[in-house]
């Protein structure tokens, strides 16, 4: 079942990720589109700021109240 309770919320990766569409460095930001439970796994579909739209596992992201800038 599709869960849209976090739709539109900002999130960022908590670690470096390799996804089906490419790499996402730690602290990459994006907007949650929806979540789904699939074969016992909780997947979050995210529209990333770099233009990718790809699913990640819930434990690979943190949900933020608003975009957070990371000092370099």
C-alpha atoms as a PDB file:
ATOM      1  CA  UNK A   1       0.000   0.000   0.000  1.00  0.00           C
ATOM      2  CA  UNK A   2       1.235   3.515  -0.829  1.00  0.00           C
ATOM      3  CA  UNK A   3       1.730   5.789   2.187  1.00  0.00           C
ATOM      4  CA  UNK A   4       1.695   9.535   1.517  1.00  0.00           C
ATOM      5  CA  UNK A   5       1.938  10.826   5.106  1.00  0.00           C
ATOM      6  CA  UNK A   6       5.462  12.218   4.462  1.00  0.00           C
ATOM      7  CA  UNK A   7       4.820  13.457   0.898  1.00  0.00           C
ATOM      8  CA  UNK A   8       6.491  16.826   0.336  1.00  0.00           C
ATOM      9  CA  UNK A   9       8.794  16.558   3.351  1.00  0.00           C
ATOM     10  CA  UNK A  10      12.504  17.221   2.942  1.00  0.00           C
ATOM     11  CA  UNK A  11      14.979  14.424   3.645  1.00  0.00           C
ATOM     12  CA  UNK A  12      18.677  13.755   3.261  1.00  0.00           C
ATOM     13  CA  UNK A  13      20.894  10.705   3.097  1.00  0.00           C
ATOM     14  CA  UNK A  14      22.680   9.627   6.273  1.00  0.00           C
ATOM     15  CA  UNK A  15      25.407   7.795   4.340  1.00  0.00           C
ATOM     16  CA  UNK A  16      26.843   7.449   0.856  1.00  0.00           C
ATOM     17  CA  UNK A  17      24.401   5.451  -1.312  1.00  0.00           C
ATOM     18  CA  UNK A  18      24.636   3.635  -4.597  1.00  0.00           C
ATOM     19  CA  UNK A  19      21.145   3.499  -6.123  1.00  0.00           C
ATOM     20  CA  UNK A  20      19.741   2.008  -9.311  1.00  0.00           C
ATOM     21  CA  UNK A  21      20.045   5.467 -10.934  1.00  0.00           C
ATOM     22  CA  UNK A  22      23.476   6.493  -9.648  1.00  0.00           C
ATOM     23  CA  UNK A  23      25.373   7.628  -6.585  1.00  0.00           C
ATOM     24  CA  UNK A  24      24.125   9.849  -3.774  1.00  0.00           C
ATOM     25  CA  UNK A  25      26.752  11.372  -1.467  1.00  0.00           C
ATOM     26  CA  UNK A  26      26.104  11.617   2.261  1.00  0.00           C
ATOM     27  CA  UNK A  27      23.769  14.566   3.089  1.00  0.00           C
ATOM     28  CA  UNK A  28      22.194  14.598  -0.407  1.00  0.00           C
ATOM     29  CA  UNK A  29      18.800  16.254  -0.118  1.00  0.00           C
ATOM     30  CA  UNK A  30      15.458  15.622  -1.711  1.00  0.00           C
ATOM     31  CA  UNK A  31      11.692  15.669  -1.352  1.00  0.00           C
ATOM     32  CA  UNK A  32       9.715  12.574  -0.416  1.00  0.00           C
ATOM     33  CA  UNK A  33       7.132  11.534  -3.019  1.00  0.00           C
ATOM     34  CA  UNK A  34       5.662   8.486  -1.252  1.00  0.00           C
ATOM     35  CA  UNK A  35       6.498   5.369   0.743  1.00  0.00           C
ATOM     36  CA  UNK A  36       5.627   1.743   0.118  1.00  0.00           C
ATOM     37  CA  UNK A  37       5.994  -1.615   1.848  1.00  0.00           C
ATOM     38  CA  UNK A  38       7.330  -4.232  -0.573  1.00  0.00           C
ATOM     39  CA  UNK A  39       8.224  -7.811   0.370  1.00  0.00           C
ATOM     40  CA  UNK A  40       8.740  -6.791   3.991  1.00  0.00           C
ATOM     41  CA  UNK A  41      10.938  -3.804   3.068  1.00  0.00           C
ATOM     42  CA  UNK A  42       9.989  -0.169   3.664  1.00  0.00           C
ATOM     43  CA  UNK A  43      10.950   1.899   0.591  1.00  0.00           C
ATOM     44  CA  UNK A  44      10.826   5.685   0.310  1.00  0.00           C
ATOM     45  CA  UNK A  45      10.613   7.219  -3.177  1.00  0.00           C
ATOM     46  CA  UNK A  46      12.465  10.541  -3.271  1.00  0.00           C
ATOM     47  CA  UNK A  47      12.889  13.290  -5.868  1.00  0.00           C
ATOM     48  CA  UNK A  48      16.528  14.243  -5.266  1.00  0.00           C
ATOM     49  CA  UNK A  49      17.916  17.758  -5.756  1.00  0.00           C
ATOM     50  CA  UNK A  50      20.347  16.405  -8.371  1.00  0.00           C
ATOM     51  CA  UNK A  51      17.384  15.441 -10.599  1.00  0.00           C
ATOM     52  CA  UNK A  52      17.218  11.732  -9.822  1.00  0.00           C
ATOM     53  CA  UNK A  53      14.011  10.131  -8.605  1.00  0.00           C
ATOM     54  CA  UNK A  54      14.795   6.840  -6.922  1.00  0.00           C
ATOM     55  CA  UNK A  55      13.747   4.669  -3.977  1.00  0.00           C
ATOM     56  CA  UNK A  56      15.855   4.235  -0.855  1.00  0.00           C
ATOM     57  CA  UNK A  57      15.377   2.295   2.354  1.00  0.00           C
ATOM     58  CA  UNK A  58      13.898   4.269   5.271  1.00  0.00           C
ATOM     59  CA  UNK A  59      16.999   3.721   7.420  1.00  0.00           C
ATOM     60  CA  UNK A  60      19.200   5.358   4.736  1.00  0.00           C
ATOM     61  CA  UNK A  61      17.577   8.797   5.136  1.00  0.00           C
ATOM     62  CA  UNK A  62      16.591  11.242   7.820  1.00  0.00           C
ATOM     63  CA  UNK A  63      13.483  13.372   7.530  1.00  0.00           C
ATOM     64  CA  UNK A  64      14.108  17.074   8.213  1.00  0.00           C
ATOM     65  CA  UNK A  65      11.687  19.897   8.972  1.00  0.00           C
ATOM     66  CA  UNK A  66      13.294  21.979   6.234  1.00  0.00           C
ATOM     67  CA  UNK A  67      16.359  21.950   3.986  1.00  0.00           C
ATOM     68  CA  UNK A  68      19.563  22.012   6.015  1.00  0.00           C
ATOM     69  CA  UNK A  69      22.782  23.501   4.680  1.00  0.00           C
ATOM     70  CA  UNK A  70      25.991  21.596   5.410  1.00  0.00           C
ATOM     71  CA  UNK A  71      29.079  23.710   6.004  1.00  0.00           C
ATOM     72  CA  UNK A  72      31.953  22.605   3.790  1.00  0.00           C
END
